[in-house]
Amino acid sequence: MTDTDKDWRIWGETDPYYGVVAAPEFRREQVDLDHFLHTGEAYILGRLARLERMLGAVSRGRTLDFGCGVGRVALPLGAQFAEVIGLDISPAMLAEGERLRQERGVDNVHFRSSDDRLSGAEGSFDFVHSYIVFQHIPVDRGMRLIGGLLDKVAVGGLLSIHVAIRRGDSPAKAFFYRARTRVPGLQRLVHRLRGKKASEPMMQMNEYPASLIFSMLHLRGFGQAVVDVERHGRFLTMHIAARREAMTERTV
């Protein structure tokens, strides 16, 4: 299986904005930073409004943004919450996020390195968030990380995570995709044949088992979930949000 941590470190060093949102307008050589950050602000304001309509008020204390990249969402969250912790695996993305934070005078956002224990995010949070991140993480590892994020939500706090649930591939395309993630050198060859840089990493799109996520929510004391289905090209994705109503023992 491809080392996705290595891939995202490369994206951070070579094309960090495109690595966050894979749209041609966000390639490093042409990105409009104000527009890039505005997309994050528009997204999170809409998301918070949606959650408050469906689940009630969101406490504006501490928030955690997992897979924060260069701060597209974490920086706008700073205007909505008292403290924001952004976690990411890429040192270069974290460094760029810190540069943008200082440039824009945002004092309450802190960028920290991520690991599988989420050790950079101590304590509990009123709002735990992740968007267009988990599909790029292998499912077994991603499910453990989701469990860790659930454990970080304070009683009364909200969780909002986003996962891919269906790739929409034909059997042949599904086989080819698996081969690209497992056969050394195949991805570089595919990029060369498609006129891309051979060194450009692959962006995995992994399907997550929604039913298991709902089970994890239930066993950790979360209430009724709000689900929003979203299509990204041929990929079907899902926003899952819920409020933690009680503290329970971790069992999944």
C-alpha atoms as a PDB file:
ATOM      1  CA  MET A   1       0.000   0.000   0.000  1.00  0.00           C
ATOM      2  CA  THR A   2       1.235   3.483  -0.837  1.00  0.00           C
ATOM      3  CA  ASP A   3       2.680   5.471   2.071  1.00  0.00           C
ATOM      4  CA  THR A   4       0.058   8.226   2.223  1.00  0.00           C
ATOM      5  CA  ASP A   5       1.988  10.192   4.874  1.00  0.00           C
ATOM      6  CA  LYS A   6       4.909  10.443   2.456  1.00  0.00           C
ATOM      7  CA  ASP A   7       2.535  11.445  -0.351  1.00  0.00           C
ATOM      8  CA  TRP A   8       1.052  14.320   1.655  1.00  0.00           C
ATOM      9  CA  ARG A   9       4.448  15.538   2.761  1.00  0.00           C
ATOM     10  CA  ILE A  10       5.364  15.742  -0.934  1.00  0.00           C
ATOM     11  CA  TRP A  11       2.149  17.627  -1.736  1.00  0.00           C
ATOM     12  CA  GLY A  12       2.973  20.072   1.039  1.00  0.00           C
ATOM     13  CA  GLU A  13       6.440  20.694  -0.355  1.00  0.00           C
ATOM     14  CA  THR A  14       5.498  20.921  -4.025  1.00  0.00           C
ATOM     15  CA  ASP A  15       1.875  22.049  -4.484  1.00  0.00           C
ATOM     16  CA  PRO A  16       0.203  22.645  -1.111  1.00  0.00           C
ATOM     17  CA  TYR A  17      -2.958  24.477  -2.196  1.00  0.00           C
ATOM     18  CA  TYR A  18      -3.782  21.949  -4.916  1.00  0.00           C
ATOM     19  CA  GLY A  19      -3.107  19.241  -2.342  1.00  0.00           C
ATOM     20  CA  VAL A  20      -5.874  20.751  -0.193  1.00  0.00           C
ATOM     21  CA  VAL A  21      -8.372  21.331  -3.013  1.00  0.00           C
ATOM     22  CA  ALA A  22      -7.543  19.511  -6.253  1.00  0.00           C
ATOM     23  CA  ALA A  23      -8.767  22.200  -8.658  1.00  0.00           C
ATOM     24  CA  PRO A  24      -6.565  23.659 -11.440  1.00  0.00           C
ATOM     25  CA  GLU A  25      -7.085  27.217 -10.130  1.00  0.00           C
ATOM     26  CA  PHE A  26      -5.254  26.271  -6.938  1.00  0.00           C
ATOM     27  CA  ARG A  27      -2.028  25.123  -8.542  1.00  0.00           C
ATOM     28  CA  ARG A  28       0.856  26.797  -6.740  1.00  0.00           C
ATOM     29  CA  GLU A  29       1.963  28.922  -9.690  1.00  0.00           C
ATOM     30  CA  GLN A  30      -1.426  30.609 -10.122  1.00  0.00           C
ATOM     31  CA  VAL A  31      -3.343  30.397  -6.849  1.00  0.00           C
ATOM     32  CA  ASP A  32      -5.157  33.508  -5.602  1.00  0.00           C
ATOM     33  CA  LEU A  33      -4.701  33.168  -1.843  1.00  0.00           C
ATOM     34  CA  ASP A  34      -7.579  35.478  -0.940  1.00  0.00           C
ATOM     35  CA  HIS A  35      -9.936  33.436  -3.120  1.00  0.00           C
ATOM     36  CA  PHE A  36      -8.540  30.177  -1.750  1.00  0.00           C
ATOM     37  CA  LEU A  37      -9.172  31.226   1.856  1.00  0.00           C
ATOM     38  CA  HIS A  38     -12.572  32.659   0.970  1.00  0.00           C
ATOM     39  CA  THR A  39     -13.674  29.194  -0.207  1.00  0.00           C
ATOM     40  CA  GLY A  40     -12.817  27.839   3.224  1.00  0.00           C
ATOM     41  CA  GLU A  41     -14.644  30.650   4.985  1.00  0.00           C
ATOM     42  CA  ALA A  42     -17.760  30.201   2.833  1.00  0.00           C
ATOM     43  CA  TYR A  43     -17.724  26.457   3.463  1.00  0.00           C
ATOM     44  CA  ILE A  44     -17.361  26.608   7.257  1.00  0.00           C
ATOM     45  CA  LEU A  45     -19.897  29.405   7.737  1.00  0.00           C
ATOM     46  CA  GLY A  46     -22.404  27.389   5.734  1.00  0.00           C
ATOM     47  CA  ARG A  47     -21.542  24.214   7.614  1.00  0.00           C
ATOM     48  CA  LEU A  48     -21.906  25.815  11.041  1.00  0.00           C
ATOM     49  CA  ALA A  49     -25.214  27.404  10.053  1.00  0.00           C
ATOM     50  CA  ARG A  50     -26.477  24.021   8.855  1.00  0.00           C
ATOM     51  CA  LEU A  51     -25.417  22.298  12.073  1.00  0.00           C
ATOM     52  CA  GLU A  52     -27.011  24.923  14.281  1.00  0.00           C
ATOM     53  CA  ARG A  53     -30.285  24.678  12.384  1.00  0.00           C
ATOM     54  CA  MET A  54     -30.341  20.911  12.766  1.00  0.00           C
ATOM     55  CA  LEU A  55     -28.609  20.275  16.097  1.00  0.00           C
ATOM     56  CA  GLY A  56     -28.789  23.527  18.046  1.00  0.00           C
ATOM     57  CA  ALA A  57     -26.147  26.019  19.124  1.00  0.00           C
ATOM     58  CA  VAL A  58     -22.480  25.155  18.742  1.00  0.00           C
ATOM     59  CA  SER A  59     -20.431  26.201  21.761  1.00  0.00           C
ATOM     60  CA  ARG A  60     -17.711  28.551  20.506  1.00  0.00           C
ATOM     61  CA  GLY A  61     -14.902  27.458  22.825  1.00  0.00           C
ATOM     62  CA  ARG A  62     -12.241  25.027  21.546  1.00  0.00           C
ATOM     63  CA  THR A  63     -12.316  23.454  18.076  1.00  0.00           C
ATOM     64  CA  LEU A  64     -10.148  20.855  16.361  1.00  0.00           C
ATOM     65  CA  ASP A  65      -9.655  20.783  12.583  1.00  0.00           C
ATOM     66  CA  PHE A  66      -8.159  17.427  11.577  1.00  0.00           C
ATOM     67  CA  GLY A  67      -6.221  17.435   8.295  1.00  0.00           C
ATOM     68  CA  CYS A  68      -6.027  21.221   8.306  1.00  0.00           C
ATOM     69  CA  GLY A  69      -3.502  21.528   5.471  1.00  0.00           C
ATOM     70  CA  VAL A  70      -2.498  25.168   5.024  1.00  0.00           C
ATOM     71  CA  GLY A  71      -5.427  26.438   7.098  1.00  0.00           C
ATOM     72  CA  ARG A  72      -8.146  26.913   4.481  1.00  0.00           C
ATOM     73  CA  VAL A  73     -10.783  26.092   7.124  1.00  0.00           C
ATOM     74  CA  ALA A  74      -8.748  26.441  10.336  1.00  0.00           C
ATOM     75  CA  LEU A  75      -8.024  30.142   9.787  1.00  0.00           C
ATOM     76  CA  PRO A  76     -11.694  31.106   9.211  1.00  0.00           C
ATOM     77  CA  LEU A  77     -12.594  28.996  12.250  1.00  0.00           C
ATOM     78  CA  GLY A  78     -10.430  31.389  14.259  1.00  0.00           C
ATOM     79  CA  ALA A  79     -13.068  34.096  13.764  1.00  0.00           C
ATOM     80  CA  GLN A  80     -15.766  31.768  15.134  1.00  0.00           C
ATOM     81  CA  PHE A  81     -14.101  30.035  18.100  1.00  0.00           C
ATOM     82  CA  ALA A  82     -11.961  31.039  21.063  1.00  0.00           C
ATOM     83  CA  GLU A  83      -9.205  28.544  20.196  1.00  0.00           C
ATOM     84  CA  VAL A  84      -8.503  26.429  17.119  1.00  0.00           C
ATOM     85  CA  ILE A  85      -6.067  23.506  16.870  1.00  0.00           C
ATOM     86  CA  GLY A  86      -5.197  22.436  13.331  1.00  0.00           C
ATOM     87  CA  LEU A  87      -3.550  19.030  12.872  1.00  0.00           C
ATOM     88  CA  ASP A  88      -1.800  17.871   9.719  1.00  0.00           C
ATOM     89  CA  ILE A  89       0.782  15.282   8.724  1.00  0.00           C
ATOM     90  CA  SER A  90       2.704  17.597   6.358  1.00  0.00           C
ATOM     91  CA  PRO A  91       5.338  19.874   7.934  1.00  0.00           C
ATOM     92  CA  ALA A  92       5.392  22.072   4.816  1.00  0.00           C
ATOM     93  CA  MET A  93       1.624  22.589   4.909  1.00  0.00           C
ATOM     94  CA  LEU A  94       1.798  23.445   8.604  1.00  0.00           C
ATOM     95  CA  ALA A  95       4.581  25.931   7.908  1.00  0.00           C
ATOM     96  CA  GLU A  96       2.541  27.568   5.151  1.00  0.00           C
ATOM     97  CA  GLY A  97      -0.491  27.699   7.424  1.00  0.00           C
ATOM     98  CA  GLU A  98       1.610  29.405  10.090  1.00  0.00           C
ATOM     99  CA  ARG A  99       2.881  31.923   7.530  1.00  0.00           C
ATOM    100  CA  LEU A 100      -0.689  32.723   6.484  1.00  0.00           C
ATOM    101  CA  ARG A 101      -1.759  32.973  10.121  1.00  0.00           C
ATOM    102  CA  GLN A 102       0.913  35.528  10.905  1.00  0.00           C
ATOM    103  CA  GLU A 103       0.312  37.424   7.669  1.00  0.00           C
ATOM    104  CA  ARG A 104      -3.390  37.781   8.514  1.00  0.00           C
ATOM    105  CA  GLY A 105      -2.907  38.489  12.215  1.00  0.00           C
ATOM    106  CA  VAL A 106      -4.863  35.500  13.526  1.00  0.00           C
ATOM    107  CA  ASP A 107      -3.756  34.859  17.110  1.00  0.00           C
ATOM    108  CA  ASN A 108      -5.950  31.995  18.288  1.00  0.00           C
ATOM    109  CA  VAL A 109      -5.163  29.318  15.673  1.00  0.00           C
ATOM    110  CA  HIS A 110      -2.373  26.851  16.431  1.00  0.00           C
ATOM    111  CA  PHE A 111      -0.942  24.460  13.829  1.00  0.00           C
ATOM    112  CA  ARG A 112       0.468  21.183  15.127  1.00  0.00           C
ATOM    113  CA  SER A 113       1.843  17.953  13.718  1.00  0.00           C
ATOM    114  CA  SER A 114      -0.594  15.034  13.551  1.00  0.00           C
ATOM    115  CA  ASP A 115       0.039  11.446  14.558  1.00  0.00           C
ATOM    116  CA  ASP A 116      -2.134   8.376  15.054  1.00  0.00           C
ATOM    117  CA  ARG A 117      -2.597   9.184  18.762  1.00  0.00           C
ATOM    118  CA  LEU A 118      -3.700  12.776  18.014  1.00  0.00           C
ATOM    119  CA  SER A 119      -1.170  13.799  20.654  1.00  0.00           C
ATOM    120  CA  GLY A 120      -1.027  17.366  19.312  1.00  0.00           C
ATOM    121  CA  ALA A 121      -4.626  17.937  20.422  1.00  0.00           C
ATOM    122  CA  GLU A 122      -4.710  17.636  24.191  1.00  0.00           C
ATOM    123  CA  GLY A 123      -7.948  17.774  26.128  1.00  0.00           C
ATOM    124  CA  SER A 124     -11.497  17.918  24.830  1.00  0.00           C
ATOM    125  CA  PHE A 125     -13.148  20.127  22.206  1.00  0.00           C
ATOM    126  CA  ASP A 126     -16.527  21.764  21.668  1.00  0.00           C
ATOM    127  CA  PHE A 127     -16.331  21.175  17.919  1.00  0.00           C
ATOM    128  CA  VAL A 128     -14.299  18.521  16.088  1.00  0.00           C
ATOM    129  CA  HIS A 129     -14.197  18.862  12.320  1.00  0.00           C
ATOM    130  CA  SER A 130     -12.654  17.223   9.259  1.00  0.00           C
ATOM    131  CA  TYR A 131     -13.438  17.815   5.583  1.00  0.00           C
ATOM    132  CA  ILE A 132     -12.080  16.143   2.399  1.00  0.00           C
ATOM    133  CA  VAL A 133      -9.400  14.352   4.419  1.00  0.00           C
ATOM    134  CA  PHE A 134     -10.346  10.788   5.317  1.00  0.00           C
ATOM    135  CA  GLN A 135     -10.848   9.559   1.759  1.00  0.00           C
ATOM    136  CA  HIS A 136      -7.108  10.061   1.309  1.00  0.00           C
ATOM    137  CA  ILE A 137      -6.285   7.816   4.304  1.00  0.00           C
ATOM    138  CA  PRO A 138      -6.422   3.980   4.129  1.00  0.00           C
ATOM    139  CA  VAL A 139      -9.632   2.818   5.795  1.00  0.00           C
ATOM    140  CA  ASP A 140      -8.230   0.708   8.651  1.00  0.00           C
ATOM    141  CA  ARG A 141      -6.028   3.550   9.812  1.00  0.00           C
ATOM    142  CA  GLY A 142      -8.709   6.141   9.142  1.00  0.00           C
ATOM    143  CA  MET A 143     -11.272   4.330  11.266  1.00  0.00           C
ATOM    144  CA  ARG A 144      -8.884   4.318  14.211  1.00  0.00           C
ATOM    145  CA  LEU A 145      -8.336   8.041  13.738  1.00  0.00           C
ATOM    146  CA  ILE A 146     -12.084   8.661  13.573  1.00  0.00           C
ATOM    147  CA  GLY A 147     -12.424   6.809  16.866  1.00  0.00           C
ATOM    148  CA  GLY A 148      -9.750   9.051  18.350  1.00  0.00           C
ATOM    149  CA  LEU A 149     -11.554  12.159  17.123  1.00  0.00           C
ATOM    150  CA  LEU A 150     -14.829  10.966  18.653  1.00  0.00           C
ATOM    151  CA  ASP A 151     -13.043  10.600  21.969  1.00  0.00           C
ATOM    152  CA  LYS A 152     -11.921  14.237  21.748  1.00  0.00           C
ATOM    153  CA  VAL A 153     -15.466  15.632  21.629  1.00  0.00           C
ATOM    154  CA  ALA A 154     -16.644  17.067  24.951  1.00  0.00           C
ATOM    155  CA  VAL A 155     -20.084  16.174  26.301  1.00  0.00           C
ATOM    156  CA  GLY A 156     -22.400  18.680  24.649  1.00  0.00           C
ATOM    157  CA  GLY A 157     -19.924  19.205  21.811  1.00  0.00           C
ATOM    158  CA  LEU A 158     -20.397  18.524  18.121  1.00  0.00           C
ATOM    159  CA  LEU A 159     -18.589  16.340  15.622  1.00  0.00           C
ATOM    160  CA  SER A 160     -18.592  16.953  11.851  1.00  0.00           C
ATOM    161  CA  ILE A 161     -16.600  14.581   9.651  1.00  0.00           C
ATOM    162  CA  HIS A 162     -16.630  13.903   5.934  1.00  0.00           C
ATOM    163  CA  VAL A 163     -15.906  10.533   4.302  1.00  0.00           C
ATOM    164  CA  ALA A 164     -16.162   8.995   0.846  1.00  0.00           C
ATOM    165  CA  ILE A 165     -18.631   6.105   0.740  1.00  0.00           C
ATOM    166  CA  ARG A 166     -18.624   5.041  -2.929  1.00  0.00           C
ATOM    167  CA  ARG A 167     -16.109   5.453  -5.750  1.00  0.00           C
ATOM    168  CA  GLY A 168     -18.499   4.752  -8.611  1.00  0.00           C
ATOM    169  CA  ASP A 169     -15.894   2.702 -10.513  1.00  0.00           C
ATOM    170  CA  SER A 170     -16.520  -0.124 -12.961  1.00  0.00           C
ATOM    171  CA  PRO A 171     -14.883  -3.438 -11.913  1.00  0.00           C
ATOM    172  CA  ALA A 172     -12.012  -2.778 -14.329  1.00  0.00           C
ATOM    173  CA  LYS A 173     -11.402   0.738 -12.966  1.00  0.00           C
ATOM    174  CA  ALA A 174     -11.595  -0.561  -9.399  1.00  0.00           C
ATOM    175  CA  PHE A 175      -8.944  -3.196 -10.187  1.00  0.00           C
ATOM    176  CA  PHE A 176      -6.721  -0.588 -11.842  1.00  0.00           C
ATOM    177  CA  TYR A 177      -7.081   1.741  -8.857  1.00  0.00           C
ATOM    178  CA  ARG A 178      -6.034  -0.992  -6.424  1.00  0.00           C
ATOM    179  CA  ALA A 179      -3.048  -1.817  -8.608  1.00  0.00           C
ATOM    180  CA  ARG A 180      -1.934   1.836  -8.604  1.00  0.00           C
ATOM    181  CA  THR A 181      -1.914   1.856  -4.793  1.00  0.00           C
ATOM    182  CA  ARG A 182      -0.027  -1.442  -4.487  1.00  0.00           C
ATOM    183  CA  VAL A 183       2.321  -1.971  -7.440  1.00  0.00           C
ATOM    184  CA  PRO A 184       5.598  -0.047  -7.017  1.00  0.00           C
ATOM    185  CA  GLY A 185       6.302   2.313  -9.908  1.00  0.00           C
ATOM    186  CA  LEU A 186       2.908   1.925 -11.593  1.00  0.00           C
ATOM    187  CA  GLN A 187       1.636   5.307 -10.453  1.00  0.00           C
ATOM    188  CA  ARG A 188       4.724   7.072 -11.832  1.00  0.00           C
ATOM    189  CA  LEU A 189       4.175   5.337 -15.176  1.00  0.00           C
ATOM    190  CA  VAL A 190       0.507   6.376 -15.223  1.00  0.00           C
ATOM    191  CA  HIS A 191       1.468  10.000 -14.606  1.00  0.00           C
ATOM    192  CA  ARG A 192       4.025   9.958 -17.414  1.00  0.00           C
ATOM    193  CA  LEU A 193       1.492   8.497 -19.833  1.00  0.00           C
ATOM    194  CA  ARG A 194      -1.012  11.197 -18.826  1.00  0.00           C
ATOM    195  CA  GLY A 195       1.476  14.027 -19.283  1.00  0.00           C
ATOM    196  CA  LYS A 196       1.858  14.764 -15.557  1.00  0.00           C
ATOM    197  CA  LYS A 197       4.976  14.945 -13.437  1.00  0.00           C
ATOM    198  CA  ALA A 198       6.036  11.399 -12.661  1.00  0.00           C
ATOM    199  CA  SER A 199       6.893  12.437  -9.107  1.00  0.00           C
ATOM    200  CA  GLU A 200       3.401  13.819  -8.362  1.00  0.00           C
ATOM    201  CA  PRO A 201       1.829  11.622  -5.673  1.00  0.00           C
ATOM    202  CA  MET A 202      -1.421   9.789  -6.085  1.00  0.00           C
ATOM    203  CA  MET A 203      -4.466  11.105  -4.233  1.00  0.00           C
ATOM    204  CA  GLN A 204      -6.160   8.011  -2.873  1.00  0.00           C
ATOM    205  CA  MET A 205      -9.968   7.957  -2.676  1.00  0.00           C
ATOM    206  CA  ASN A 206     -10.933   5.296  -0.166  1.00  0.00           C
ATOM    207  CA  GLU A 207     -14.479   4.160   0.630  1.00  0.00           C
ATOM    208  CA  TYR A 208     -15.519   4.183   4.293  1.00  0.00           C
ATOM    209  CA  PRO A 209     -18.157   1.951   5.973  1.00  0.00           C
ATOM    210  CA  ALA A 210     -20.803   4.431   7.121  1.00  0.00           C
ATOM    211  CA  SER A 211     -22.621   1.835   9.236  1.00  0.00           C
ATOM    212  CA  LEU A 212     -19.528   1.251  11.378  1.00  0.00           C
ATOM    213  CA  ILE A 213     -19.086   4.993  11.903  1.00  0.00           C
ATOM    214  CA  PHE A 214     -22.691   5.249  13.102  1.00  0.00           C
ATOM    215  CA  SER A 215     -22.051   2.360  15.491  1.00  0.00           C
ATOM    216  CA  MET A 216     -18.987   4.118  16.871  1.00  0.00           C
ATOM    217  CA  LEU A 217     -21.039   7.281  17.413  1.00  0.00           C
ATOM    218  CA  HIS A 218     -23.728   5.386  19.299  1.00  0.00           C
ATOM    219  CA  LEU A 219     -21.302   3.522  21.539  1.00  0.00           C
ATOM    220  CA  ARG A 220     -19.521   6.752  22.447  1.00  0.00           C
ATOM    221  CA  GLY A 221     -22.649   8.534  23.594  1.00  0.00           C
ATOM    222  CA  PHE A 222     -23.544  10.592  20.519  1.00  0.00           C
ATOM    223  CA  GLY A 223     -27.155  11.369  19.688  1.00  0.00           C
ATOM    224  CA  GLN A 224     -29.011  11.320  16.395  1.00  0.00           C
ATOM    225  CA  ALA A 225     -26.763  11.987  13.412  1.00  0.00           C
ATOM    226  CA  VAL A 226     -27.353  14.525  10.686  1.00  0.00           C
ATOM    227  CA  VAL A 227     -26.211  13.163   7.323  1.00  0.00           C
ATOM    228  CA  ASP A 228     -25.593  15.180   4.155  1.00  0.00           C
ATOM    229  CA  VAL A 229     -24.652  13.337   0.968  1.00  0.00           C
ATOM    230  CA  GLU A 230     -22.406  15.161  -1.481  1.00  0.00           C
ATOM    231  CA  ARG A 231     -21.045  14.179  -4.876  1.00  0.00           C
ATOM    232  CA  HIS A 232     -17.450  14.974  -5.846  1.00  0.00           C
ATOM    233  CA  GLY A 233     -17.244  13.993  -9.511  1.00  0.00           C
ATOM    234  CA  ARG A 234     -17.877  10.244  -9.631  1.00  0.00           C
ATOM    235  CA  PHE A 235     -17.325   9.919  -5.873  1.00  0.00           C
ATOM    236  CA  LEU A 236     -20.239   9.833  -3.452  1.00  0.00           C
ATOM    237  CA  THR A 237     -19.324  11.359  -0.089  1.00  0.00           C
ATOM    238  CA  MET A 238     -21.073  11.951   3.210  1.00  0.00           C
ATOM    239  CA  HIS A 239     -20.951  14.584   5.954  1.00  0.00           C
ATOM    240  CA  ILE A 240     -21.785  13.019   9.324  1.00  0.00           C
ATOM    241  CA  ALA A 241     -22.532  15.278  12.301  1.00  0.00           C
ATOM    242  CA  ALA A 242     -23.797  14.543  15.813  1.00  0.00           C
ATOM    243  CA  ARG A 243     -23.777  15.942  19.333  1.00  0.00           C
ATOM    244  CA  ARG A 244     -22.157  14.020  22.175  1.00  0.00           C
ATOM    245  CA  GLU A 245     -24.801  13.548  24.848  1.00  0.00           C
ATOM    246  CA  ALA A 246     -22.918  11.374  27.336  1.00  0.00           C
ATOM    247  CA  MET A 247     -19.443  10.105  28.112  1.00  0.00           C
ATOM    248  CA  THR A 248     -19.206   6.356  27.612  1.00  0.00           C
ATOM    249  CA  GLU A 249     -16.405   3.822  27.627  1.00  0.00           C
ATOM    250  CA  ARG A 250     -14.666   3.349  24.299  1.00  0.00           C
ATOM    251  CA  THR A 251     -15.725  -0.034  22.936  1.00  0.00           C
ATOM    252  CA  VAL A 252     -15.022   0.248  19.178  1.00  0.00           C
END
